[in-house]
């Protein structure tokens, strides 16, 4: 990327050290070092859809693992054979766990991309 910036700068006669703004397609799974390198070379946008999809799924997976024994039937589980499990199998609960996990991944992405407190 740095070589590309130098080449373009020369070709167009720019005074800007980064005359091009790049998009990091397929950024999901990249190391923080690779992300920082890319930003330094002029990347202004990074696609992280795969990372956010995984984070959402991982939140749901972790919810199921944590409450597995409660999710085997409507009634009966670790708290007793006659206890209802509605608060565990309510889909809003597992989806909320997915949302929380994805939100945490977005915070990490913002930190990795140096996008925290940049508008203040």
Foldseek 3Di string as FASTA:
>chain_A
DQVVLVVVCVVVVHPDSRPDAAEAEPCAPPDLVVLVVNVVNHHDHYDHVVVLVVQLVVLLVVLCVVCVQLPPDQADGPVGRGHGSCVSPVVVVSNVSSVVSSVVVVVVVCVSNVNPPPVD
